[in-house]
């Protein structure tokens, strides 16, 4: 299976290489040929544009002005009463738990006795 993939990739690389060589030779031959002479195209004559007629201008009435409204008078804001906060209760801090000690010796594992032989 791997060899067929190798041959497929190899054939694609060869095809791309050969097509690029063919394209290069075609481009070179196009560069070496002289350009053909193009006959001049006739100029199209267009009729003149018609003149725009003068349109009457409309007279607009003046824009109305906004009426001025009287400023409302607001009553003065009442003063906020000064309130004294009650003192916070003092709670004692909890005691820190003691850090457990890590055993330094290795515990022994019980060994099972072998089964009795018959």
N, C-alpha and C. Protein backbone atom coordinates (compact mmCIF):
# COMPACT_ATOMS: atom_id res chain seq x y z
N UNK A 1 0.83 -1.19 0.00
CA UNK A 1 0.00 0.00 0.00
C UNK A 1 0.87 1.25 0.00
N UNK A 2 1.98 1.19 0.76
CA UNK A 2 2.86 2.35 0.84
C UNK A 2 3.56 2.59 -0.49
N UNK A 3 3.87 1.51 -1.21
CA UNK A 3 4.56 1.68 -2.48
C UNK A 3 3.65 2.34 -3.52
N UNK A 4 2.34 2.03 -3.48
CA UNK A 4 1.44 2.66 -4.44
C UNK A 4 1.30 4.16 -4.15
N UNK A 5 1.32 4.54 -2.87
CA UNK A 5 1.28 5.96 -2.52
C UNK A 5 2.56 6.65 -2.98
N UNK A 6 3.69 5.96 -2.86
CA UNK A 6 4.97 6.53 -3.30
C UNK A 6 4.94 6.78 -4.80
N UNK A 7 4.45 5.80 -5.56
CA UNK A 7 4.41 5.96 -7.01
C UNK A 7 3.42 7.06 -7.42
N UNK A 8 2.34 7.19 -6.68
CA UNK A 8 1.36 8.24 -6.96
C UNK A 8 1.99 9.62 -6.74
N UNK A 9 2.67 9.79 -5.63
CA UNK A 9 3.31 11.07 -5.33
C UNK A 9 4.41 11.36 -6.34
N UNK A 10 5.19 10.33 -6.70
CA UNK A 10 6.26 10.50 -7.68
C UNK A 10 5.70 10.91 -9.04
N UNK A 11 4.59 10.28 -9.45
CA UNK A 11 4.00 10.63 -10.75
C UNK A 11 3.43 12.06 -10.72
N UNK A 12 2.87 12.49 -9.60
CA UNK A 12 2.36 13.86 -9.50
C UNK A 12 3.50 14.87 -9.59
N UNK A 13 4.61 14.58 -8.93
CA UNK A 13 5.76 15.49 -8.98
C UNK A 13 6.31 15.57 -10.40
N UNK A 14 6.37 14.44 -11.09
CA UNK A 14 6.87 14.44 -12.47
C UNK A 14 5.93 15.22 -13.38
N UNK A 15 4.61 15.05 -13.20
CA UNK A 15 3.65 15.76 -14.04
C UNK A 15 3.75 17.27 -13.83
N UNK A 16 3.91 17.69 -12.58
CA UNK A 16 4.03 19.12 -12.30
C UNK A 16 5.32 19.67 -12.90
N UNK A 17 6.40 18.91 -12.80
CA UNK A 17 7.68 19.36 -13.35
C UNK A 17 7.60 19.49 -14.86
N UNK A 18 7.03 18.49 -15.53
CA UNK A 18 6.94 18.54 -16.98
C UNK A 18 6.01 19.66 -17.45
N UNK A 19 4.92 19.88 -16.72
CA UNK A 19 4.00 20.95 -17.13
C UNK A 19 4.65 22.32 -16.92
N UNK A 20 5.47 22.46 -15.89
CA UNK A 20 6.12 23.76 -15.69
C UNK A 20 7.18 23.99 -16.77
N UNK A 21 7.85 22.92 -17.22
CA UNK A 21 8.82 23.06 -18.31
C UNK A 21 8.10 23.47 -19.59
N UNK A 22 6.96 22.84 -19.86
CA UNK A 22 6.18 23.16 -21.05
C UNK A 22 5.67 24.60 -20.98
N UNK A 23 5.22 25.01 -19.81
CA UNK A 23 4.73 26.38 -19.65
C UNK A 23 5.85 27.39 -19.83
N UNK A 24 7.05 27.07 -19.35
CA UNK A 24 8.19 27.98 -19.51
C UNK A 24 8.56 28.14 -20.98
N UNK A 25 8.56 27.03 -21.72
CA UNK A 25 8.91 27.13 -23.14
C UNK A 25 7.83 27.89 -23.92
N UNK A 26 6.57 27.72 -23.56
CA UNK A 26 5.49 28.46 -24.22
C UNK A 26 5.60 29.95 -23.93
N UNK A 27 5.94 30.31 -22.70
CA UNK A 27 6.09 31.72 -22.35
C UNK A 27 7.26 32.33 -23.10
N UNK A 28 8.36 31.57 -23.25
CA UNK A 28 9.52 32.09 -23.97
C UNK A 28 9.18 32.33 -25.44
N UNK A 29 8.43 31.39 -26.04
CA UNK A 29 8.08 31.58 -27.45
C UNK A 29 7.14 32.78 -27.63
N UNK A 30 6.27 33.03 -26.65
CA UNK A 30 5.40 34.20 -26.73
C UNK A 30 6.20 35.49 -26.59
N UNK A 31 7.24 35.47 -25.77
CA UNK A 31 8.06 36.67 -25.60
C UNK A 31 8.88 36.96 -26.85
N UNK A 32 9.26 35.93 -27.60
CA UNK A 32 10.10 36.12 -28.77
C UNK A 32 9.32 36.57 -30.00
N UNK A 33 8.03 36.35 -30.03
CA UNK A 33 7.22 36.78 -31.18
C UNK A 33 6.93 38.27 -31.07
N UNK A 34 6.73 38.91 -32.21
CA UNK A 34 6.42 40.33 -32.21
C UNK A 34 4.92 40.52 -32.00
N UNK A 35 4.58 41.65 -31.43
CA UNK A 35 3.18 41.92 -31.16
C UNK A 35 2.48 42.31 -32.46
N UNK A 36 1.25 41.83 -32.66
CA UNK A 36 0.53 42.18 -33.88
C UNK A 36 0.09 43.64 -33.83
N UNK A 37 -0.05 44.23 -35.00
CA UNK A 37 -0.51 45.62 -35.07
C UNK A 37 -2.03 45.64 -35.02
N UNK A 38 -2.54 46.46 -34.17
CA UNK A 38 -3.99 46.56 -33.99
C UNK A 38 -4.45 47.81 -34.73
N UNK A 39 -5.44 47.68 -35.64
CA UNK A 39 -5.92 48.86 -36.36
C UNK A 39 -6.64 49.79 -35.39
N UNK A 40 -6.56 51.09 -35.62
CA UNK A 40 -7.23 52.02 -34.70
C UNK A 40 -8.75 51.89 -34.85
N UNK A 41 -9.40 51.95 -33.73
CA UNK A 41 -10.86 51.85 -33.72
C UNK A 41 -11.46 53.22 -34.04
N UNK A 42 -12.61 53.25 -34.73
CA UNK A 42 -13.23 54.54 -35.04
C UNK A 42 -13.81 55.16 -33.78
N UNK A 43 -13.73 56.47 -33.72
CA UNK A 43 -14.27 57.19 -32.57
C UNK A 43 -15.77 57.37 -32.77
N UNK A 44 -16.51 57.06 -31.73
CA UNK A 44 -17.96 57.21 -31.79
C UNK A 44 -18.32 58.66 -31.53
N UNK A 45 -19.20 59.21 -32.35
CA UNK A 45 -19.65 60.60 -32.15
C UNK A 45 -20.98 60.56 -31.44
N UNK A 46 -21.04 61.23 -30.33
CA UNK A 46 -22.27 61.25 -29.54
C UNK A 46 -22.97 62.59 -29.74
N UNK A 47 -24.31 62.59 -29.74
CA UNK A 47 -25.03 63.87 -29.85
C UNK A 47 -24.83 64.66 -28.56
N UNK A 48 -24.94 65.98 -28.64
CA UNK A 48 -24.77 66.78 -27.42
C UNK A 48 -25.92 66.52 -26.45
N UNK A 49 -25.61 66.65 -25.18
CA UNK A 49 -26.63 66.45 -24.15
C UNK A 49 -27.64 67.59 -24.19
N UNK A 50 -28.93 67.30 -23.95
CA UNK A 50 -29.92 68.38 -23.94
C UNK A 50 -29.71 69.27 -22.72
N UNK A 51 -30.11 70.52 -22.89
CA UNK A 51 -29.95 71.47 -21.78
C UNK A 51 -31.08 71.27 -20.79
N UNK A 52 -30.75 71.48 -19.53
CA UNK A 52 -31.75 71.33 -18.48
C UNK A 52 -32.60 72.59 -18.41
N UNK A 53 -33.94 72.45 -18.39
CA UNK A 53 -34.77 73.65 -18.29
C UNK A 53 -34.69 74.22 -16.87
N UNK A 54 -34.89 75.52 -16.76
CA UNK A 54 -34.90 76.16 -15.45
C UNK A 54 -36.22 75.86 -14.76
N UNK A 55 -36.13 75.24 -13.60
CA UNK A 55 -37.33 74.90 -12.84
C UNK A 55 -37.64 76.02 -11.86
N UNK A 56 -38.94 76.27 -11.60
CA UNK A 56 -39.27 77.33 -10.63
C UNK A 56 -38.88 76.87 -9.22
N UNK A 57 -38.43 77.82 -8.43
CA UNK A 57 -38.07 77.49 -7.05
C UNK A 57 -39.29 77.69 -6.17
N UNK A 58 -39.49 76.80 -5.24
CA UNK A 58 -40.64 76.87 -4.34
C UNK A 58 -40.30 77.78 -3.17
N UNK A 59 -41.29 78.57 -2.75
CA UNK A 59 -41.10 79.43 -1.58
C UNK A 59 -41.67 78.68 -0.38
N UNK A 60 -40.84 78.49 0.61
CA UNK A 60 -41.26 77.76 1.81
C UNK A 60 -41.58 78.74 2.92
N UNK A 61 -42.60 78.42 3.74
CA UNK A 61 -42.89 79.30 4.88
C UNK A 61 -41.79 79.14 5.93
N UNK A 62 -41.63 80.14 6.78
CA UNK A 62 -40.59 80.02 7.82
C UNK A 62 -40.97 78.93 8.83
N UNK A 63 -39.95 78.32 9.42
CA UNK A 63 -40.19 77.27 10.40
C UNK A 63 -40.73 77.88 11.69
N UNK A 64 -41.70 77.21 12.33
CA UNK A 64 -42.22 77.76 13.59
C UNK A 64 -41.17 77.60 14.70
N UNK A 65 -41.24 78.50 15.65
CA UNK A 65 -40.31 78.42 16.79
C UNK A 65 -40.97 77.65 17.92
N UNK A 66 -40.15 77.02 18.73
CA UNK A 66 -40.68 76.28 19.89
C UNK A 66 -41.11 77.27 20.96
N UNK A 67 -42.26 77.03 21.59
CA UNK A 67 -42.69 77.95 22.65
C UNK A 67 -41.80 77.75 23.88
N UNK A 68 -41.58 78.83 24.60
CA UNK A 68 -40.78 78.74 25.82
C UNK A 68 -41.71 78.42 26.97
N UNK A 69 -41.33 77.43 27.76
CA UNK A 69 -42.14 77.01 28.90
C UNK A 69 -41.55 77.58 30.17
N UNK A 70 -42.40 77.88 31.16
CA UNK A 70 -41.86 78.40 32.43
C UNK A 70 -41.12 77.28 33.18
N UNK A 71 -40.05 77.67 33.90
CA UNK A 71 -39.27 76.69 34.65
C UNK A 71 -40.03 76.34 35.92
N UNK A 72 -40.20 75.04 36.19
CA UNK A 72 -40.89 74.65 37.43
C UNK A 72 -39.97 74.86 38.63
N UNK A 73 -40.57 75.24 39.73
CA UNK A 73 -39.79 75.41 40.97
C UNK A 73 -40.02 74.18 41.82
N UNK A 74 -38.94 73.60 42.28
CA UNK A 74 -39.03 72.40 43.10
C UNK A 74 -38.85 72.77 44.56
N UNK A 75 -39.52 72.04 45.46
CA UNK A 75 -39.31 72.32 46.89
C UNK A 75 -37.90 71.87 47.30
N UNK A 76 -37.36 72.45 48.35
CA UNK A 76 -36.01 72.05 48.76
C UNK A 76 -36.01 70.61 49.29
N UNK A 77 -34.89 69.96 49.13
CA UNK A 77 -34.76 68.58 49.58
C UNK A 77 -34.68 68.56 51.11
N UNK A 78 -35.35 67.60 51.73
CA UNK A 78 -35.25 67.53 53.19
C UNK A 78 -33.86 67.03 53.60
N UNK A 79 -33.42 67.46 54.75
CA UNK A 79 -32.11 67.05 55.25
C UNK A 79 -32.20 65.63 55.80
N UNK A 80 -31.16 64.85 55.54
CA UNK A 80 -31.14 63.47 56.04
C UNK A 80 -30.74 63.50 57.51
N UNK A 81 -31.46 62.75 58.34
CA UNK A 81 -31.07 62.74 59.76
C UNK A 81 -29.78 61.93 59.95
N UNK A 82 -28.95 62.34 60.91
CA UNK A 82 -27.72 61.63 61.22
C UNK A 82 -28.08 60.45 62.11
N UNK A 83 -27.70 59.26 61.66
CA UNK A 83 -28.02 58.05 62.41
C UNK A 83 -26.71 57.44 62.88
N UNK A 84 -26.63 57.11 64.15
CA UNK A 84 -25.44 56.47 64.70
C UNK A 84 -25.63 54.96 64.60
N UNK A 85 -24.61 54.29 64.09
CA UNK A 85 -24.70 52.84 63.95
C UNK A 85 -24.38 52.18 65.29
N UNK A 86 -25.05 51.06 65.58
CA UNK A 86 -24.73 50.37 66.84
C UNK A 86 -23.35 49.72 66.72
N UNK A 87 -22.66 49.53 67.84
CA UNK A 87 -21.34 48.91 67.76
C UNK A 87 -21.46 47.44 67.36
N UNK A 88 -20.47 46.99 66.61
CA UNK A 88 -20.47 45.60 66.17
C UNK A 88 -20.06 44.70 67.33
N UNK A 89 -20.68 43.52 67.43
CA UNK A 89 -20.25 42.60 68.50
C UNK A 89 -18.87 42.04 68.17
N UNK A 90 -18.07 41.86 69.20
CA UNK A 90 -16.73 41.30 69.00
C UNK A 90 -16.80 39.81 69.24
N UNK A 91 -16.63 39.05 68.21
CA UNK A 91 -16.63 37.59 68.33
C UNK A 91 -15.19 37.12 68.45
N UNK A 92 -14.92 36.18 69.35
CA UNK A 92 -13.54 35.69 69.46
C UNK A 92 -13.21 34.83 68.24
N UNK A 93 -11.95 34.89 67.83
CA UNK A 93 -11.51 34.09 66.70
C UNK A 93 -11.45 32.62 67.09
N UNK A 94 -11.78 31.71 66.17
CA UNK A 94 -11.69 30.28 66.52
C UNK A 94 -10.23 29.87 66.67
N UNK A 95 -10.02 28.84 67.45
CA UNK A 95 -8.66 28.34 67.66
C UNK A 95 -8.22 27.55 66.44
N UNK A 96 -6.92 27.65 66.15
CA UNK A 96 -6.37 26.94 64.99
C UNK A 96 -6.25 25.46 65.35
N UNK A 97 -6.67 24.57 64.43
CA UNK A 97 -6.50 23.14 64.72
C UNK A 97 -5.02 22.78 64.65
N UNK A 98 -4.67 21.76 65.39
CA UNK A 98 -3.26 21.34 65.40
C UNK A 98 -2.97 20.55 64.13
N UNK A 99 -1.74 20.69 63.65
CA UNK A 99 -1.33 20.00 62.43
C UNK A 99 -1.02 18.56 62.79
N UNK A 100 -1.61 17.59 62.08
CA UNK A 100 -1.33 16.18 62.43
C UNK A 100 0.12 15.83 62.10
N UNK A 101 0.64 14.92 62.86
CA UNK A 101 2.02 14.48 62.63
C UNK A 101 2.01 13.34 61.63
N UNK A 102 3.01 13.35 60.75
CA UNK A 102 3.13 12.31 59.73
C UNK A 102 4.03 11.22 60.30
N UNK A 103 3.57 9.96 60.25
CA UNK A 103 4.43 8.88 60.79
C UNK A 103 5.68 8.73 59.93
N UNK A 104 6.79 8.47 60.60
CA UNK A 104 8.06 8.34 59.88
C UNK A 104 8.43 6.90 59.62
N UNK A 105 7.85 5.95 60.34
CA UNK A 105 8.19 4.54 60.09
C UNK A 105 7.18 3.94 59.13
N UNK A 106 7.62 2.95 58.38
CA UNK A 106 6.79 2.28 57.38
C UNK A 106 5.96 1.20 58.07
N UNK A 107 4.64 1.15 57.84
CA UNK A 107 3.85 0.08 58.48
C UNK A 107 4.16 -1.26 57.81
N UNK A 108 4.05 -2.29 58.59
CA UNK A 108 4.31 -3.63 58.04
C UNK A 108 3.01 -4.21 57.51
N UNK A 109 3.14 -4.92 56.40
CA UNK A 109 1.97 -5.55 55.80
C UNK A 109 1.89 -6.99 56.26
N UNK A 110 0.70 -7.46 56.59
CA UNK A 110 0.60 -8.88 57.00
C UNK A 110 0.75 -9.78 55.77
N UNK A 111 1.51 -10.83 55.92
CA UNK A 111 1.71 -11.78 54.83
C UNK A 111 0.76 -12.95 55.03
N UNK A 112 0.20 -13.42 53.94
CA UNK A 112 -0.72 -14.56 54.00
C UNK A 112 0.10 -15.84 53.96
N UNK A 113 -0.37 -16.79 54.70
CA UNK A 113 0.33 -18.08 54.70
C UNK A 113 -0.04 -18.85 53.44
N UNK A 114 0.86 -19.65 52.90
CA UNK A 114 0.53 -20.41 51.70
C UNK A 114 -0.56 -21.44 51.97
N UNK A 115 -1.31 -21.81 50.96
CA UNK A 115 -2.38 -22.80 51.18
C UNK A 115 -1.78 -24.17 51.52
N UNK A 116 -2.50 -24.93 52.30
CA UNK A 116 -1.97 -26.28 52.66
C UNK A 116 -1.96 -27.18 51.43
N UNK A 117 -0.93 -27.98 51.32
CA UNK A 117 -0.84 -28.90 50.18
C UNK A 117 -1.50 -30.21 50.53
N UNK A 118 -2.18 -30.83 49.67
CA UNK A 118 -2.88 -32.11 49.93
C UNK A 118 -2.04 -33.28 49.58
